Amino acid sequence: MGNTILPFDELMKAVLEQLKSQKYMDSTLTVYRRTYKRIHIFLNHHGTDIYTHELGKAFLADSNVSKTTFVAYSCAVRRLDNYIDRKPYRCHHGIITSRSLWCLQTL
């Protein structure tokens, strides 16, 4: 089974819908949208409208941003990669348990 191939606008909309269905906050979705606009510009500069893993890696390698922004970019790229690989949504931030909340409260 191959990767999903979509024009970037469609891919971006599909991933954002996936995140909305997971109840992501509007502010988080805005960060994803901004990142995806930057990736789209990057793709256009490379003469394509089709996102690939290789172009995602190249976008990250070409990004001269703060560490925090780079982490956000990496997460956005990972979401695109997972979608084109037809992998189901998976939370990348871990699960907060009552035990971990208790530990945080006692700090």
C-alpha atoms as a PDB file:
ATOM      1  CA  MET A   1       0.000   0.000   0.000  1.00  0.00           C
ATOM      2  CA  GLY A   2       1.486   3.343  -1.081  1.00  0.00           C
ATOM      3  CA  ASN A   3       1.368   6.767   0.439  1.00  0.00           C
ATOM      4  CA  THR A   4      -1.605   9.058   0.073  1.00  0.00           C
ATOM      5  CA  ILE A   5      -0.871  11.680  -2.584  1.00  0.00           C
ATOM      6  CA  LEU A   6      -2.893  14.877  -2.341  1.00  0.00           C
ATOM      7  CA  PRO A   7      -2.402  18.484  -3.383  1.00  0.00           C
ATOM      8  CA  PHE A   8      -1.008  20.260  -0.341  1.00  0.00           C
ATOM      9  CA  ASP A   9      -4.154  22.327   0.309  1.00  0.00           C
ATOM     10  CA  GLU A  10      -6.190  19.125   0.562  1.00  0.00           C
ATOM     11  CA  LEU A  11      -3.589  17.421   2.735  1.00  0.00           C
ATOM     12  CA  MET A  12      -3.427  20.423   5.059  1.00  0.00           C
ATOM     13  CA  LYS A  13      -7.225  20.573   5.367  1.00  0.00           C
ATOM     14  CA  ALA A  14      -7.434  16.841   6.065  1.00  0.00           C
ATOM     15  CA  VAL A  15      -4.816  16.996   8.821  1.00  0.00           C
ATOM     16  CA  LEU A  16      -6.412  20.075  10.389  1.00  0.00           C
ATOM     17  CA  GLU A  17      -9.802  18.331  10.355  1.00  0.00           C
ATOM     18  CA  GLN A  18      -8.204  15.352  12.044  1.00  0.00           C
ATOM     19  CA  LEU A  19      -6.829  17.633  14.762  1.00  0.00           C
ATOM     20  CA  LYS A  20     -10.186  19.396  15.157  1.00  0.00           C
ATOM     21  CA  SER A  21     -11.861  16.033  15.646  1.00  0.00           C
ATOM     22  CA  GLN A  22      -9.408  15.419  18.488  1.00  0.00           C
ATOM     23  CA  LYS A  23     -10.583  18.672  20.121  1.00  0.00           C
ATOM     24  CA  TYR A  24      -7.383  20.643  19.589  1.00  0.00           C
ATOM     25  CA  MET A  25      -7.642  24.225  20.814  1.00  0.00           C
ATOM     26  CA  ASP A  26      -8.112  26.986  18.235  1.00  0.00           C
ATOM     27  CA  SER A  27      -4.783  28.513  19.236  1.00  0.00           C
ATOM     28  CA  THR A  28      -3.006  25.219  18.538  1.00  0.00           C
ATOM     29  CA  LEU A  29      -4.761  24.884  15.196  1.00  0.00           C
ATOM     30  CA  THR A  30      -3.580  28.404  14.342  1.00  0.00           C
ATOM     31  CA  VAL A  31       0.024  27.347  14.974  1.00  0.00           C
ATOM     32  CA  TYR A  32      -0.453  24.348  12.681  1.00  0.00           C
ATOM     33  CA  ARG A  33      -2.049  26.544   9.981  1.00  0.00           C
ATOM     34  CA  ARG A  34       0.853  28.998  10.086  1.00  0.00           C
ATOM     35  CA  THR A  35       3.377  26.190   9.862  1.00  0.00           C
ATOM     36  CA  TYR A  36       1.513  24.584   6.976  1.00  0.00           C
ATOM     37  CA  LYS A  37       1.440  27.906   5.114  1.00  0.00           C
ATOM     38  CA  ARG A  38       5.228  28.064   5.466  1.00  0.00           C
ATOM     39  CA  ILE A  39       5.559  24.489   4.242  1.00  0.00           C
ATOM     40  CA  HIS A  40       3.310  25.313   1.277  1.00  0.00           C
ATOM     41  CA  ILE A  41       5.541  28.253   0.350  1.00  0.00           C
ATOM     42  CA  PHE A  42       8.560  25.941   0.658  1.00  0.00           C
ATOM     43  CA  LEU A  43       6.903  23.415  -1.666  1.00  0.00           C
ATOM     44  CA  ASN A  44       6.106  26.148  -4.188  1.00  0.00           C
ATOM     45  CA  HIS A  45       9.742  27.266  -4.159  1.00  0.00           C
ATOM     46  CA  HIS A  46      10.650  23.682  -5.002  1.00  0.00           C
ATOM     47  CA  GLY A  47       8.212  23.616  -7.910  1.00  0.00           C
ATOM     48  CA  THR A  48       5.667  21.219  -6.451  1.00  0.00           C
ATOM     49  CA  ASP A  49       2.363  21.117  -4.650  1.00  0.00           C
ATOM     50  CA  ILE A  50       2.791  17.554  -3.405  1.00  0.00           C
ATOM     51  CA  TYR A  51       4.232  17.000   0.065  1.00  0.00           C
ATOM     52  CA  THR A  52       6.642  14.105   0.597  1.00  0.00           C
ATOM     53  CA  HIS A  53       8.676  12.871   3.545  1.00  0.00           C
ATOM     54  CA  GLU A  54      11.812  14.091   1.814  1.00  0.00           C
ATOM     55  CA  LEU A  55      10.423  17.597   1.341  1.00  0.00           C
ATOM     56  CA  GLY A  56       9.291  17.629   4.967  1.00  0.00           C
ATOM     57  CA  LYS A  57      12.834  16.784   6.062  1.00  0.00           C
ATOM     58  CA  ALA A  58      14.223  19.417   3.708  1.00  0.00           C
ATOM     59  CA  PHE A  59      11.828  22.023   5.129  1.00  0.00           C
ATOM     60  CA  LEU A  60      13.035  21.241   8.645  1.00  0.00           C
ATOM     61  CA  ALA A  61      16.684  21.271   7.584  1.00  0.00           C
ATOM     62  CA  ASP A  62      16.172  24.639   5.888  1.00  0.00           C
ATOM     63  CA  SER A  63      14.399  26.184   8.898  1.00  0.00           C
ATOM     64  CA  ASN A  64      16.474  28.678  10.842  1.00  0.00           C
ATOM     65  CA  VAL A  65      14.141  29.197  13.802  1.00  0.00           C
ATOM     66  CA  SER A  66      14.166  29.002  17.577  1.00  0.00           C
ATOM     67  CA  LYS A  67      14.159  25.623  19.281  1.00  0.00           C
ATOM     68  CA  THR A  68      10.531  26.065  20.342  1.00  0.00           C
ATOM     69  CA  THR A  69       9.437  26.899  16.809  1.00  0.00           C
ATOM     70  CA  PHE A  70      11.462  23.999  15.437  1.00  0.00           C
ATOM     71  CA  VAL A  71       9.669  21.615  17.801  1.00  0.00           C
ATOM     72  CA  ALA A  72       6.317  22.937  16.535  1.00  0.00           C
ATOM     73  CA  TYR A  73       7.487  22.558  12.920  1.00  0.00           C
ATOM     74  CA  SER A  74       8.633  18.995  13.619  1.00  0.00           C
ATOM     75  CA  CYS A  75       5.291  18.080  15.134  1.00  0.00           C
ATOM     76  CA  ALA A  76       3.425  19.544  12.158  1.00  0.00           C
ATOM     77  CA  VAL A  77       5.654  17.622   9.735  1.00  0.00           C
ATOM     78  CA  ARG A  78       5.123  14.405  11.700  1.00  0.00           C
ATOM     79  CA  ARG A  79       1.343  14.880  11.402  1.00  0.00           C
ATOM     80  CA  LEU A  80       1.671  15.262   7.625  1.00  0.00           C
ATOM     81  CA  ASP A  81       3.940  12.222   7.408  1.00  0.00           C
ATOM     82  CA  ASN A  82       1.539  10.101   9.439  1.00  0.00           C
ATOM     83  CA  TYR A  83      -1.406  11.174   7.301  1.00  0.00           C
ATOM     84  CA  ILE A  84       0.230  10.369   3.972  1.00  0.00           C
ATOM     85  CA  ASP A  85       1.373   7.044   5.440  1.00  0.00           C
ATOM     86  CA  ARG A  86      -2.269   6.383   6.378  1.00  0.00           C
ATOM     87  CA  LYS A  87      -1.370   5.966  10.020  1.00  0.00           C
ATOM     88  CA  PRO A  88      -4.207   6.610  12.461  1.00  0.00           C
ATOM     89  CA  TYR A  89      -4.108   9.651  14.705  1.00  0.00           C
ATOM     90  CA  ARG A  90      -1.915   9.139  17.750  1.00  0.00           C
ATOM     91  CA  CYS A  91      -1.269  11.551  20.576  1.00  0.00           C
ATOM     92  CA  HIS A  92       2.439  12.353  20.704  1.00  0.00           C
ATOM     93  CA  HIS A  93       2.327  14.110  24.050  1.00  0.00           C
ATOM     94  CA  GLY A  94       1.852  11.146  26.340  1.00  0.00           C
ATOM     95  CA  ILE A  95      -0.988  10.379  28.666  1.00  0.00           C
ATOM     96  CA  ILE A  96      -1.531  12.309  31.862  1.00  0.00           C
ATOM     97  CA  THR A  97      -2.545   9.980  34.637  1.00  0.00           C
ATOM     98  CA  SER A  98      -3.822  10.821  38.090  1.00  0.00           C
ATOM     99  CA  ARG A  99      -0.425   9.678  39.403  1.00  0.00           C
ATOM    100  CA  SER A 100       1.498  12.068  37.147  1.00  0.00           C
ATOM    101  CA  LEU A 101      -0.860  14.901  38.106  1.00  0.00           C
ATOM    102  CA  TRP A 102      -0.239  14.144  41.774  1.00  0.00           C
ATOM    103  CA  CYS A 103       3.519  14.227  41.144  1.00  0.00           C
ATOM    104  CA  LEU A 104       3.257  17.592  39.414  1.00  0.00           C
ATOM    105  CA  GLN A 105       1.158  19.033  42.231  1.00  0.00           C
ATOM    106  CA  THR A 106       3.707  18.008  44.852  1.00  0.00           C
ATOM    107  CA  LEU A 107       6.609  19.788  43.161  1.00  0.00           C
END
